[in-house]
Amino acid sequence: MASLLYVTCNVRPRERSRTLSLGDEFLEAYLRWNPRDEVQVLDLYRDSIQRVDQDVLNVWGRIERGEDYGLLSDGERHKIARLWRLADQFCRCDKYVFVTYGLNLWFSAEFKMYVDAICMRDRTYRVTLQGAEGTLQDRGKKSLHLHAGSPYRFGQEQDLSVPYLRSVLNFLGVKDQEAALLGGDDAENEPREEYEETRRWLLELATRF
């Protein structure tokens, strides 16, 4: 039995979102093929993600200098514990599905806050004499990223969301990655051919993910 972490970051209602509706279909098909697997769901617009703020940065520095965890204030321990829970959840899961959309050639702030939360020293990565390295290497973890970019071009500039997440996951040790990129997320303005092609690919992927 495997554990799948299903992370969405999209403020649209599901009936108005191509990525959320396709993500739901993928998850339903996946569970038909893997009925015993555990699925954990995070909605980053619903579930509050701890920001890496000044308190968090101060605590990191104090812990790195060897200060005892028990000397932290209640507020500091609460913030750090929230981040550690997210990083530990990420470590425990075997598979990841990310459902996102682009905002000004990037992710929305909520998703970047989540990435910051799971990139935790001595949990998902460690620092060695050769530099930082992910701790999830050689564990057979895999991911799917379903992302809707902008329906129009920003001149010659490209949406950096998909390559950024690919780089982060690769660093942490998630080497088996799949991605589906849609040109826009609004279901009322969707190119049906692109939608159906992506849908067929996702349903086929669900049989072997």
C-alpha atoms as a PDB file:
ATOM      1  CA  MET A   1       0.000   0.000   0.000  1.00  0.00           C
ATOM      2  CA  ALA A   2       1.357   3.412  -1.008  1.00  0.00           C
ATOM      3  CA  SER A   3       0.611   6.907   0.259  1.00  0.00           C
ATOM      4  CA  LEU A   4      -0.317   9.675  -2.185  1.00  0.00           C
ATOM      5  CA  LEU A   5      -0.230  13.386  -1.325  1.00  0.00           C
ATOM      6  CA  TYR A   6      -2.697  15.392  -3.436  1.00  0.00           C
ATOM      7  CA  VAL A   7      -1.919  19.128  -3.326  1.00  0.00           C
ATOM      8  CA  THR A   8      -4.130  21.724  -4.994  1.00  0.00           C
ATOM      9  CA  CYS A   9      -3.569  25.455  -5.261  1.00  0.00           C
ATOM     10  CA  ASN A  10      -6.373  26.978  -7.274  1.00  0.00           C
ATOM     11  CA  VAL A  11      -8.943  29.477  -6.045  1.00  0.00           C
ATOM     12  CA  ARG A  12     -11.489  28.768  -8.820  1.00  0.00           C
ATOM     13  CA  PRO A  13     -14.587  26.643  -8.134  1.00  0.00           C
ATOM     14  CA  ARG A  14     -14.028  23.116  -9.428  1.00  0.00           C
ATOM     15  CA  GLU A  15     -16.672  23.438 -12.126  1.00  0.00           C
ATOM     16  CA  ARG A  16     -14.809  26.471 -13.524  1.00  0.00           C
ATOM     17  CA  SER A  17     -11.318  24.980 -13.411  1.00  0.00           C
ATOM     18  CA  ARG A  18      -9.838  22.644 -16.003  1.00  0.00           C
ATOM     19  CA  THR A  19      -6.965  21.582 -13.775  1.00  0.00           C
ATOM     20  CA  LEU A  20      -9.128  20.846 -10.729  1.00  0.00           C
ATOM     21  CA  SER A  21     -11.672  18.871 -12.759  1.00  0.00           C
ATOM     22  CA  LEU A  22      -8.934  16.883 -14.513  1.00  0.00           C
ATOM     23  CA  GLY A  23      -7.153  16.349 -11.206  1.00  0.00           C
ATOM     24  CA  ASP A  24     -10.341  14.957  -9.691  1.00  0.00           C
ATOM     25  CA  GLU A  25     -10.767  12.570 -12.624  1.00  0.00           C
ATOM     26  CA  PHE A  26      -7.171  11.412 -12.340  1.00  0.00           C
ATOM     27  CA  LEU A  27      -7.540  10.804  -8.598  1.00  0.00           C
ATOM     28  CA  GLU A  28     -10.777   8.844  -9.040  1.00  0.00           C
ATOM     29  CA  ALA A  29      -9.173   6.675 -11.742  1.00  0.00           C
ATOM     30  CA  TYR A  30      -6.040   6.201  -9.640  1.00  0.00           C
ATOM     31  CA  LEU A  31      -8.070   4.956  -6.678  1.00  0.00           C
ATOM     32  CA  ARG A  32      -9.925   2.487  -8.894  1.00  0.00           C
ATOM     33  CA  TRP A  33      -6.570   0.937  -9.762  1.00  0.00           C
ATOM     34  CA  ASN A  34      -5.097   1.374  -6.265  1.00  0.00           C
ATOM     35  CA  PRO A  35      -8.044   1.046  -3.853  1.00  0.00           C
ATOM     36  CA  ARG A  36      -5.865   0.280  -0.829  1.00  0.00           C
ATOM     37  CA  ASP A  37      -3.621   3.315  -1.178  1.00  0.00           C
ATOM     38  CA  GLU A  38      -3.901   6.167   1.310  1.00  0.00           C
ATOM     39  CA  VAL A  39      -4.631   9.645  -0.086  1.00  0.00           C
ATOM     40  CA  GLN A  40      -3.881  12.807   1.867  1.00  0.00           C
ATOM     41  CA  VAL A  41      -5.292  16.069   0.515  1.00  0.00           C
ATOM     42  CA  LEU A  42      -3.964  19.597   0.943  1.00  0.00           C
ATOM     43  CA  ASP A  43      -5.874  22.579  -0.458  1.00  0.00           C
ATOM     44  CA  LEU A  44      -3.436  25.468  -0.116  1.00  0.00           C
ATOM     45  CA  TYR A  45      -6.199  28.070  -0.343  1.00  0.00           C
ATOM     46  CA  ARG A  46      -8.072  26.330   2.468  1.00  0.00           C
ATOM     47  CA  ASP A  47      -5.345  24.840   4.671  1.00  0.00           C
ATOM     48  CA  SER A  48      -3.249  27.510   6.330  1.00  0.00           C
ATOM     49  CA  ILE A  49       0.455  27.179   5.496  1.00  0.00           C
ATOM     50  CA  GLN A  50       2.994  28.645   7.884  1.00  0.00           C
ATOM     51  CA  ARG A  51       5.016  31.412   6.257  1.00  0.00           C
ATOM     52  CA  VAL A  52       8.787  31.522   6.656  1.00  0.00           C
ATOM     53  CA  ASP A  53       8.779  34.792   8.607  1.00  0.00           C
ATOM     54  CA  GLN A  54      11.275  36.590  10.858  1.00  0.00           C
ATOM     55  CA  ASP A  55      10.487  34.317  13.817  1.00  0.00           C
ATOM     56  CA  VAL A  56      11.164  31.212  11.733  1.00  0.00           C
ATOM     57  CA  LEU A  57      14.436  32.571  10.364  1.00  0.00           C
ATOM     58  CA  ASN A  58      15.597  33.494  13.872  1.00  0.00           C
ATOM     59  CA  VAL A  59      14.742  30.032  15.197  1.00  0.00           C
ATOM     60  CA  TRP A  60      16.614  28.326  12.362  1.00  0.00           C
ATOM     61  CA  GLY A  61      19.701  30.344  13.191  1.00  0.00           C
ATOM     62  CA  ARG A  62      19.466  29.631  16.910  1.00  0.00           C
ATOM     63  CA  ILE A  63      18.977  25.887  16.377  1.00  0.00           C
ATOM     64  CA  GLU A  64      21.931  25.772  13.956  1.00  0.00           C
ATOM     65  CA  ARG A  65      24.055  27.435  16.648  1.00  0.00           C
ATOM     66  CA  GLY A  66      23.087  24.640  19.039  1.00  0.00           C
ATOM     67  CA  GLU A  67      20.414  26.339  21.140  1.00  0.00           C
ATOM     68  CA  ASP A  68      18.094  23.896  22.892  1.00  0.00           C
ATOM     69  CA  TYR A  69      14.617  23.557  21.360  1.00  0.00           C
ATOM     70  CA  GLY A  70      13.116  23.889  24.848  1.00  0.00           C
ATOM     71  CA  LEU A  71      14.320  27.491  25.076  1.00  0.00           C
ATOM     72  CA  LEU A  72      12.024  28.612  22.258  1.00  0.00           C
ATOM     73  CA  SER A  73       8.890  30.534  23.103  1.00  0.00           C
ATOM     74  CA  ASP A  74       5.478  28.890  22.705  1.00  0.00           C
ATOM     75  CA  GLY A  75       4.837  30.974  19.585  1.00  0.00           C
ATOM     76  CA  GLU A  76       8.157  30.023  18.028  1.00  0.00           C
ATOM     77  CA  ARG A  77       7.654  26.325  18.745  1.00  0.00           C
ATOM     78  CA  HIS A  78       4.160  26.502  17.253  1.00  0.00           C
ATOM     79  CA  LYS A  79       5.425  27.997  13.988  1.00  0.00           C
ATOM     80  CA  ILE A  80       8.326  25.573  13.642  1.00  0.00           C
ATOM     81  CA  ALA A  81       6.108  22.597  14.483  1.00  0.00           C
ATOM     82  CA  ARG A  82       3.680  23.566  11.693  1.00  0.00           C
ATOM     83  CA  LEU A  83       6.521  23.633   9.167  1.00  0.00           C
ATOM     84  CA  TRP A  84       7.987  20.371  10.418  1.00  0.00           C
ATOM     85  CA  ARG A  85       4.599  18.631  10.146  1.00  0.00           C
ATOM     86  CA  LEU A  86       4.343  19.559   6.466  1.00  0.00           C
ATOM     87  CA  ALA A  87       7.918  18.479   5.742  1.00  0.00           C
ATOM     88  CA  ASP A  88       7.430  15.197   7.614  1.00  0.00           C
ATOM     89  CA  GLN A  89       4.182  14.527   5.754  1.00  0.00           C
ATOM     90  CA  PHE A  90       6.017  15.075   2.481  1.00  0.00           C
ATOM     91  CA  CYS A  91       8.784  12.678   3.524  1.00  0.00           C
ATOM     92  CA  ARG A  92       6.322   9.945   4.475  1.00  0.00           C
ATOM     93  CA  CYS A  93       4.383   9.968   1.213  1.00  0.00           C
ATOM     94  CA  ASP A  94       5.422   7.893  -1.792  1.00  0.00           C
ATOM     95  CA  LYS A  95       3.649   9.785  -4.563  1.00  0.00           C
ATOM     96  CA  TYR A  96       2.688  13.413  -5.143  1.00  0.00           C
ATOM     97  CA  VAL A  97       0.109  15.123  -7.344  1.00  0.00           C
ATOM     98  CA  PHE A  98       0.280  18.909  -7.658  1.00  0.00           C
ATOM     99  CA  VAL A  99      -2.607  20.792  -9.282  1.00  0.00           C
ATOM    100  CA  THR A 100      -1.722  24.441  -9.888  1.00  0.00           C
ATOM    101  CA  TYR A 101      -2.191  27.410 -12.171  1.00  0.00           C
ATOM    102  CA  GLY A 102       0.108  30.203 -13.317  1.00  0.00           C
ATOM    103  CA  LEU A 103      -0.072  33.762 -12.044  1.00  0.00           C
ATOM    104  CA  ASN A 104       2.189  36.270 -13.766  1.00  0.00           C
ATOM    105  CA  LEU A 105       4.536  33.550 -15.086  1.00  0.00           C
ATOM    106  CA  TRP A 106       4.811  31.907 -11.674  1.00  0.00           C
ATOM    107  CA  PHE A 107       2.868  30.138  -8.965  1.00  0.00           C
ATOM    108  CA  SER A 108       0.520  31.924  -6.616  1.00  0.00           C
ATOM    109  CA  ALA A 109       2.092  32.910  -3.283  1.00  0.00           C
ATOM    110  CA  GLU A 110       0.351  30.075  -1.426  1.00  0.00           C
ATOM    111  CA  PHE A 111       2.167  27.426  -3.442  1.00  0.00           C
ATOM    112  CA  LYS A 112       5.580  29.025  -3.005  1.00  0.00           C
ATOM    113  CA  MET A 113       4.911  29.137   0.753  1.00  0.00           C
ATOM    114  CA  TYR A 114       4.219  25.407   0.626  1.00  0.00           C
ATOM    115  CA  VAL A 115       7.461  24.684  -1.233  1.00  0.00           C
ATOM    116  CA  ASP A 116       9.339  26.695   1.401  1.00  0.00           C
ATOM    117  CA  ALA A 117       7.593  24.652   4.110  1.00  0.00           C
ATOM    118  CA  ILE A 118       8.623  21.258   2.722  1.00  0.00           C
ATOM    119  CA  CYS A 119      12.231  22.257   2.023  1.00  0.00           C
ATOM    120  CA  MET A 120      13.353  21.745   5.614  1.00  0.00           C
ATOM    121  CA  ARG A 121      16.956  21.178   6.622  1.00  0.00           C
ATOM    122  CA  ASP A 122      17.564  17.786   8.273  1.00  0.00           C
ATOM    123  CA  ARG A 123      14.204  16.598   6.995  1.00  0.00           C
ATOM    124  CA  THR A 124      13.943  16.804   3.216  1.00  0.00           C
ATOM    125  CA  TYR A 125      17.534  17.958   2.717  1.00  0.00           C
ATOM    126  CA  ARG A 126      20.807  18.120   4.629  1.00  0.00           C
ATOM    127  CA  VAL A 127      23.963  20.197   4.364  1.00  0.00           C
ATOM    128  CA  THR A 128      27.235  18.357   3.760  1.00  0.00           C
ATOM    129  CA  LEU A 129      30.810  19.456   3.116  1.00  0.00           C
ATOM    130  CA  GLN A 130      29.976  19.231  -0.595  1.00  0.00           C
ATOM    131  CA  GLY A 131      26.850  21.369  -0.248  1.00  0.00           C
ATOM    132  CA  ALA A 132      23.142  20.725   0.214  1.00  0.00           C
ATOM    133  CA  GLU A 133      21.633  17.393  -0.863  1.00  0.00           C
ATOM    134  CA  GLY A 134      18.133  15.954  -0.768  1.00  0.00           C
ATOM    135  CA  THR A 135      17.317  13.164   1.660  1.00  0.00           C
ATOM    136  CA  LEU A 136      14.692  11.398  -0.491  1.00  0.00           C
ATOM    137  CA  GLN A 137      17.076   9.849  -3.002  1.00  0.00           C
ATOM    138  CA  ASP A 138      16.608   6.209  -4.076  1.00  0.00           C
ATOM    139  CA  ARG A 139      13.197   5.810  -2.433  1.00  0.00           C
ATOM    140  CA  GLY A 140      11.241   5.337  -5.657  1.00  0.00           C
ATOM    141  CA  LYS A 141       9.100   8.428  -5.144  1.00  0.00           C
ATOM    142  CA  LYS A 142       7.175   9.864  -8.090  1.00  0.00           C
ATOM    143  CA  SER A 143       5.171  12.973  -8.909  1.00  0.00           C
ATOM    144  CA  LEU A 144       2.607  14.388 -11.306  1.00  0.00           C
ATOM    145  CA  HIS A 145       2.282  18.127 -11.894  1.00  0.00           C
ATOM    146  CA  LEU A 146      -0.918  19.307 -13.602  1.00  0.00           C
ATOM    147  CA  HIS A 147      -0.523  23.003 -14.352  1.00  0.00           C
ATOM    148  CA  ALA A 148      -2.487  25.637 -16.258  1.00  0.00           C
ATOM    149  CA  GLY A 149      -0.374  28.403 -17.711  1.00  0.00           C
ATOM    150  CA  SER A 150      -1.619  31.669 -19.104  1.00  0.00           C
ATOM    151  CA  PRO A 151      -3.998  31.508 -22.086  1.00  0.00           C
ATOM    152  CA  TYR A 152      -2.003  34.327 -23.702  1.00  0.00           C
ATOM    153  CA  ARG A 153       1.681  35.065 -24.194  1.00  0.00           C
ATOM    154  CA  PHE A 154       3.817  37.448 -22.154  1.00  0.00           C
ATOM    155  CA  GLY A 155       5.922  38.525 -25.103  1.00  0.00           C
ATOM    156  CA  GLN A 156       8.929  36.217 -25.287  1.00  0.00           C
ATOM    157  CA  GLU A 157       8.802  35.299 -21.574  1.00  0.00           C
ATOM    158  CA  GLN A 158       7.915  31.813 -20.358  1.00  0.00           C
ATOM    159  CA  ASP A 159       5.952  30.564 -17.353  1.00  0.00           C
ATOM    160  CA  LEU A 160       8.607  29.294 -14.916  1.00  0.00           C
ATOM    161  CA  SER A 161       6.308  27.263 -12.681  1.00  0.00           C
ATOM    162  CA  VAL A 162       6.796  23.781 -14.146  1.00  0.00           C
ATOM    163  CA  PRO A 163      10.616  23.895 -14.474  1.00  0.00           C
ATOM    164  CA  TYR A 164      10.921  25.398 -10.980  1.00  0.00           C
ATOM    165  CA  LEU A 165       8.927  22.629  -9.294  1.00  0.00           C
ATOM    166  CA  ARG A 166      10.771  20.028 -11.366  1.00  0.00           C
ATOM    167  CA  SER A 167      14.101  21.375 -10.107  1.00  0.00           C
ATOM    168  CA  VAL A 168      12.986  21.433  -6.456  1.00  0.00           C
ATOM    169  CA  LEU A 169      11.643  17.880  -6.574  1.00  0.00           C
ATOM    170  CA  ASN A 170      14.729  16.631  -8.385  1.00  0.00           C
ATOM    171  CA  PHE A 171      16.941  18.186  -5.701  1.00  0.00           C
ATOM    172  CA  LEU A 172      14.929  16.594  -2.892  1.00  0.00           C
ATOM    173  CA  GLY A 173      15.179  13.198  -4.583  1.00  0.00           C
ATOM    174  CA  VAL A 174      11.894  12.776  -6.486  1.00  0.00           C
ATOM    175  CA  LYS A 175      13.320  11.693  -9.818  1.00  0.00           C
ATOM    176  CA  ASP A 176      10.292  10.055 -11.478  1.00  0.00           C
ATOM    177  CA  GLN A 177       8.255  13.060 -12.612  1.00  0.00           C
ATOM    178  CA  GLU A 178       5.357  13.593 -15.002  1.00  0.00           C
ATOM    179  CA  ALA A 179       3.834  16.924 -16.029  1.00  0.00           C
ATOM    180  CA  ALA A 180       0.799  18.080 -18.002  1.00  0.00           C
ATOM    181  CA  LEU A 181       0.610  21.728 -19.060  1.00  0.00           C
ATOM    182  CA  LEU A 182      -2.621  23.384 -20.158  1.00  0.00           C
ATOM    183  CA  GLY A 183      -2.916  26.743 -21.885  1.00  0.00           C
ATOM    184  CA  GLY A 184      -5.361  28.357 -19.461  1.00  0.00           C
ATOM    185  CA  ASP A 185      -7.544  27.105 -16.634  1.00  0.00           C
ATOM    186  CA  ASP A 186     -10.992  28.621 -17.232  1.00  0.00           C
ATOM    187  CA  ALA A 187     -13.357  25.786 -18.196  1.00  0.00           C
ATOM    188  CA  GLU A 188     -15.679  28.168 -20.047  1.00  0.00           C
ATOM    189  CA  ASN A 189     -12.949  29.119 -22.520  1.00  0.00           C
ATOM    190  CA  GLU A 190     -11.210  25.778 -22.894  1.00  0.00           C
ATOM    191  CA  PRO A 191      -9.946  24.378 -26.180  1.00  0.00           C
ATOM    192  CA  ARG A 192     -11.764  21.033 -26.125  1.00  0.00           C
ATOM    193  CA  GLU A 193      -9.163  19.178 -28.177  1.00  0.00           C
ATOM    194  CA  GLU A 194      -6.360  20.068 -25.729  1.00  0.00           C
ATOM    195  CA  TYR A 195      -8.542  19.196 -22.757  1.00  0.00           C
ATOM    196  CA  GLU A 196      -9.558  15.793 -24.134  1.00  0.00           C
ATOM    197  CA  GLU A 197      -6.006  14.925 -25.136  1.00  0.00           C
ATOM    198  CA  THR A 198      -4.732  15.741 -21.644  1.00  0.00           C
ATOM    199  CA  ARG A 199      -7.649  13.869 -20.081  1.00  0.00           C
ATOM    200  CA  ARG A 200      -6.887  10.702 -22.058  1.00  0.00           C
ATOM    201  CA  TRP A 201      -3.224  10.878 -21.108  1.00  0.00           C
ATOM    202  CA  LEU A 202      -4.034  11.364 -17.403  1.00  0.00           C
ATOM    203  CA  LEU A 203      -6.479   8.450 -17.311  1.00  0.00           C
ATOM    204  CA  GLU A 204      -3.868   6.237 -18.935  1.00  0.00           C
ATOM    205  CA  LEU A 205      -1.225   7.464 -16.476  1.00  0.00           C
ATOM    206  CA  ALA A 206      -3.542   6.604 -13.576  1.00  0.00           C
ATOM    207  CA  THR A 207      -3.238   2.911 -14.465  1.00  0.00           C
ATOM    208  CA  ARG A 208       0.531   2.908 -13.856  1.00  0.00           C
ATOM    209  CA  PHE A 209       1.215   5.799 -11.488  1.00  0.00           C
END
